Amino acid sequence: MDHQKLLEWAGVAAAILYSMLIALNIGAEFIGFSLLLISAFLIGLWAYFGRHRGILFLQLFYATAGLIGMLRWF
């Protein structure tokens, strides 16, 4: 598996775990928002290397949401 595929799928997996942790409402919000930040970073790198500018721009907002969520739940 090449590096770009690894970034893409690791980011997707982190995003899936994030959404499930938040949706389950089990008190793991800080971990969930940490996963959102990690996902945004990984998918952002994938988008940068693949020159997917729209997705890269979107990841900046997801990263911001992850940081805000972490600060609010800390």
N, C-alpha and C. Protein backbone atom coordinates (compact mmCIF):
# COMPACT_ATOMS: atom_id res chain seq x y z
N MET A 1 0.85 -1.18 0.00
CA MET A 1 0.00 0.00 0.00
C MET A 1 0.90 1.24 0.00
N ASP A 2 0.63 2.16 -0.90
CA ASP A 2 1.46 3.37 -0.96
C ASP A 2 1.07 4.35 0.15
N HIS A 3 1.91 5.36 0.33
CA HIS A 3 1.72 6.31 1.42
C HIS A 3 0.41 7.10 1.30
N GLN A 4 0.05 7.45 0.10
CA GLN A 4 -1.18 8.23 -0.07
C GLN A 4 -2.41 7.42 0.30
N LYS A 5 -2.44 6.16 -0.08
CA LYS A 5 -3.57 5.30 0.30
C LYS A 5 -3.62 5.11 1.81
N LEU A 6 -2.45 4.98 2.44
CA LEU A 6 -2.40 4.83 3.89
C LEU A 6 -2.94 6.07 4.59
N LEU A 7 -2.54 7.26 4.13
CA LEU A 7 -3.06 8.50 4.71
C LEU A 7 -4.58 8.59 4.55
N GLU A 8 -5.04 8.26 3.35
CA GLU A 8 -6.47 8.35 3.06
C GLU A 8 -7.27 7.42 3.97
N TRP A 9 -6.89 6.15 4.03
CA TRP A 9 -7.70 5.18 4.77
C TRP A 9 -7.53 5.28 6.27
N ALA A 10 -6.36 5.69 6.74
CA ALA A 10 -6.19 5.93 8.18
C ALA A 10 -7.05 7.12 8.61
N GLY A 11 -7.11 8.14 7.77
CA GLY A 11 -7.96 9.30 8.06
C GLY A 11 -9.43 8.93 8.07
N VAL A 12 -9.83 8.09 7.14
CA VAL A 12 -11.23 7.64 7.08
C VAL A 12 -11.56 6.83 8.33
N ALA A 13 -10.68 5.92 8.73
CA ALA A 13 -10.92 5.10 9.92
C ALA A 13 -11.04 5.96 11.17
N ALA A 14 -10.16 6.96 11.30
CA ALA A 14 -10.23 7.86 12.46
C ALA A 14 -11.53 8.65 12.46
N ALA A 15 -12.00 9.07 11.30
CA ALA A 15 -13.25 9.82 11.21
C ALA A 15 -14.45 8.94 11.58
N ILE A 16 -14.42 7.68 11.17
CA ILE A 16 -15.50 6.76 11.52
C ILE A 16 -15.55 6.54 13.03
N LEU A 17 -14.38 6.30 13.63
CA LEU A 17 -14.34 6.13 15.09
C LEU A 17 -14.80 7.38 15.81
N TYR A 18 -14.36 8.55 15.32
CA TYR A 18 -14.80 9.82 15.91
C TYR A 18 -16.32 9.94 15.89
N SER A 19 -16.93 9.70 14.75
CA SER A 19 -18.37 9.89 14.64
C SER A 19 -19.13 8.91 15.51
N MET A 20 -18.63 7.69 15.63
CA MET A 20 -19.30 6.71 16.48
C MET A 20 -19.19 7.07 17.96
N LEU A 21 -18.01 7.52 18.38
CA LEU A 21 -17.84 7.90 19.79
C LEU A 21 -18.74 9.08 20.17
N ILE A 22 -18.85 10.04 19.29
CA ILE A 22 -19.71 11.20 19.57
C ILE A 22 -21.17 10.78 19.56
N ALA A 23 -21.57 9.97 18.58
CA ALA A 23 -22.98 9.55 18.47
C ALA A 23 -23.41 8.66 19.62
N LEU A 24 -22.50 7.86 20.15
CA LEU A 24 -22.86 6.97 21.25
C LEU A 24 -23.08 7.71 22.57
N ASN A 25 -22.55 8.92 22.68
CA ASN A 25 -22.74 9.75 23.87
C ASN A 25 -22.38 8.99 25.15
N ILE A 26 -21.16 8.43 25.17
CA ILE A 26 -20.72 7.62 26.31
C ILE A 26 -19.67 8.34 27.15
N GLY A 27 -19.51 9.62 26.94
CA GLY A 27 -18.55 10.39 27.72
C GLY A 27 -17.14 10.36 27.15
N ALA A 28 -16.99 9.96 25.90
CA ALA A 28 -15.67 9.89 25.27
C ALA A 28 -15.49 11.01 24.26
N GLU A 29 -16.08 12.16 24.56
CA GLU A 29 -16.04 13.27 23.61
C GLU A 29 -14.63 13.78 23.35
N PHE A 30 -13.82 13.86 24.40
CA PHE A 30 -12.46 14.37 24.19
C PHE A 30 -11.68 13.45 23.26
N ILE A 31 -11.80 12.15 23.46
CA ILE A 31 -11.14 11.19 22.57
C ILE A 31 -11.70 11.31 21.16
N GLY A 32 -13.01 11.47 21.06
CA GLY A 32 -13.65 11.61 19.75
C GLY A 32 -13.14 12.82 19.00
N PHE A 33 -13.08 13.96 19.68
CA PHE A 33 -12.60 15.17 19.01
C PHE A 33 -11.11 15.09 18.70
N SER A 34 -10.36 14.35 19.51
CA SER A 34 -8.95 14.11 19.19
C SER A 34 -8.84 13.31 17.90
N LEU A 35 -9.71 12.32 17.74
CA LEU A 35 -9.72 11.53 16.51
C LEU A 35 -10.12 12.38 15.30
N LEU A 36 -11.03 13.33 15.52
CA LEU A 36 -11.40 14.24 14.43
C LEU A 36 -10.18 15.05 13.99
N LEU A 37 -9.41 15.54 14.94
CA LEU A 37 -8.21 16.31 14.61
C LEU A 37 -7.19 15.45 13.86
N ILE A 38 -7.00 14.23 14.33
CA ILE A 38 -6.08 13.31 13.66
C ILE A 38 -6.56 13.01 12.24
N SER A 39 -7.85 12.75 12.11
CA SER A 39 -8.43 12.47 10.80
C SER A 39 -8.23 13.65 9.85
N ALA A 40 -8.49 14.85 10.33
CA ALA A 40 -8.33 16.05 9.50
C ALA A 40 -6.88 16.20 9.06
N PHE A 41 -5.94 15.91 9.94
CA PHE A 41 -4.53 16.00 9.60
C PHE A 41 -4.16 14.97 8.52
N LEU A 42 -4.59 13.72 8.72
CA LEU A 42 -4.24 12.66 7.77
C LEU A 42 -4.87 12.89 6.40
N ILE A 43 -6.16 13.21 6.40
CA ILE A 43 -6.83 13.44 5.12
C ILE A 43 -6.33 14.74 4.49
N GLY A 44 -5.97 15.71 5.33
CA GLY A 44 -5.38 16.94 4.81
C GLY A 44 -4.06 16.68 4.10
N LEU A 45 -3.23 15.82 4.67
CA LEU A 45 -1.98 15.46 4.00
C LEU A 45 -2.24 14.74 2.69
N TRP A 46 -3.19 13.81 2.72
CA TRP A 46 -3.56 13.09 1.50
C TRP A 46 -4.04 14.07 0.43
N ALA A 47 -4.87 15.03 0.83
CA ALA A 47 -5.40 16.01 -0.12
C ALA A 47 -4.28 16.91 -0.65
N TYR A 48 -3.36 17.28 0.20
CA TYR A 48 -2.24 18.13 -0.23
C TYR A 48 -1.40 17.42 -1.28
N PHE A 49 -1.01 16.18 -1.00
CA PHE A 49 -0.18 15.43 -1.93
C PHE A 49 -0.91 15.12 -3.24
N GLY A 50 -2.21 14.91 -3.15
CA GLY A 50 -3.00 14.62 -4.34
C GLY A 50 -3.56 15.85 -5.03
N ARG A 51 -3.25 17.02 -4.48
CA ARG A 51 -3.72 18.30 -5.02
C ARG A 51 -5.24 18.38 -5.09
N HIS A 52 -5.89 17.89 -4.02
CA HIS A 52 -7.34 17.99 -3.89
C HIS A 52 -7.61 19.21 -3.00
N ARG A 53 -7.61 20.38 -3.60
CA ARG A 53 -7.65 21.62 -2.83
C ARG A 53 -8.95 21.82 -2.06
N GLY A 54 -10.07 21.40 -2.63
CA GLY A 54 -11.34 21.54 -1.93
C GLY A 54 -11.39 20.70 -0.67
N ILE A 55 -10.90 19.47 -0.75
CA ILE A 55 -10.88 18.59 0.42
C ILE A 55 -9.88 19.12 1.45
N LEU A 56 -8.75 19.63 1.01
CA LEU A 56 -7.77 20.22 1.92
C LEU A 56 -8.38 21.38 2.68
N PHE A 57 -9.09 22.25 1.97
CA PHE A 57 -9.75 23.39 2.60
C PHE A 57 -10.77 22.91 3.63
N LEU A 58 -11.54 21.89 3.30
CA LEU A 58 -12.54 21.34 4.22
C LEU A 58 -11.87 20.78 5.49
N GLN A 59 -10.70 20.16 5.33
CA GLN A 59 -10.02 19.59 6.49
C GLN A 59 -9.55 20.67 7.47
N LEU A 60 -9.29 21.86 6.98
CA LEU A 60 -8.94 22.96 7.89
C LEU A 60 -10.09 23.27 8.83
N PHE A 61 -11.31 23.21 8.32
CA PHE A 61 -12.47 23.46 9.16
C PHE A 61 -12.72 22.30 10.11
N TYR A 62 -12.51 21.07 9.66
CA TYR A 62 -12.65 19.91 10.54
C TYR A 62 -11.61 19.96 11.67
N ALA A 63 -10.40 20.35 11.34
CA ALA A 63 -9.36 20.47 12.36
C ALA A 63 -9.74 21.54 13.38
N THR A 64 -10.29 22.65 12.91
CA THR A 64 -10.74 23.70 13.81
C THR A 64 -11.85 23.19 14.73
N ALA A 65 -12.80 22.44 14.17
CA ALA A 65 -13.88 21.87 14.97
C ALA A 65 -13.31 20.89 16.01
N GLY A 66 -12.32 20.11 15.62
CA GLY A 66 -11.69 19.18 16.56
C GLY A 66 -11.03 19.91 17.70
N LEU A 67 -10.32 20.99 17.40
CA LEU A 67 -9.66 21.78 18.46
C LEU A 67 -10.69 22.43 19.39
N ILE A 68 -11.73 23.00 18.83
CA ILE A 68 -12.79 23.61 19.64
C ILE A 68 -13.44 22.56 20.53
N GLY A 69 -13.76 21.41 19.98
CA GLY A 69 -14.36 20.34 20.76
C GLY A 69 -13.47 19.87 21.88
N MET A 70 -12.18 19.75 21.61
CA MET A 70 -11.24 19.32 22.66
C MET A 70 -11.16 20.36 23.76
N LEU A 71 -11.12 21.62 23.41
CA LEU A 71 -11.03 22.67 24.43
C LEU A 71 -12.30 22.74 25.26
N ARG A 72 -13.45 22.56 24.65
CA ARG A 72 -14.72 22.63 25.39
C ARG A 72 -14.91 21.45 26.33
N TRP A 73 -14.38 20.28 25.97
CA TRP A 73 -14.61 19.10 26.79
C TRP A 73 -13.48 18.82 27.75
N PHE A 74 -12.41 19.61 27.71
CA PHE A 74 -11.27 19.35 28.59
C PHE A 74 -11.54 19.83 29.97
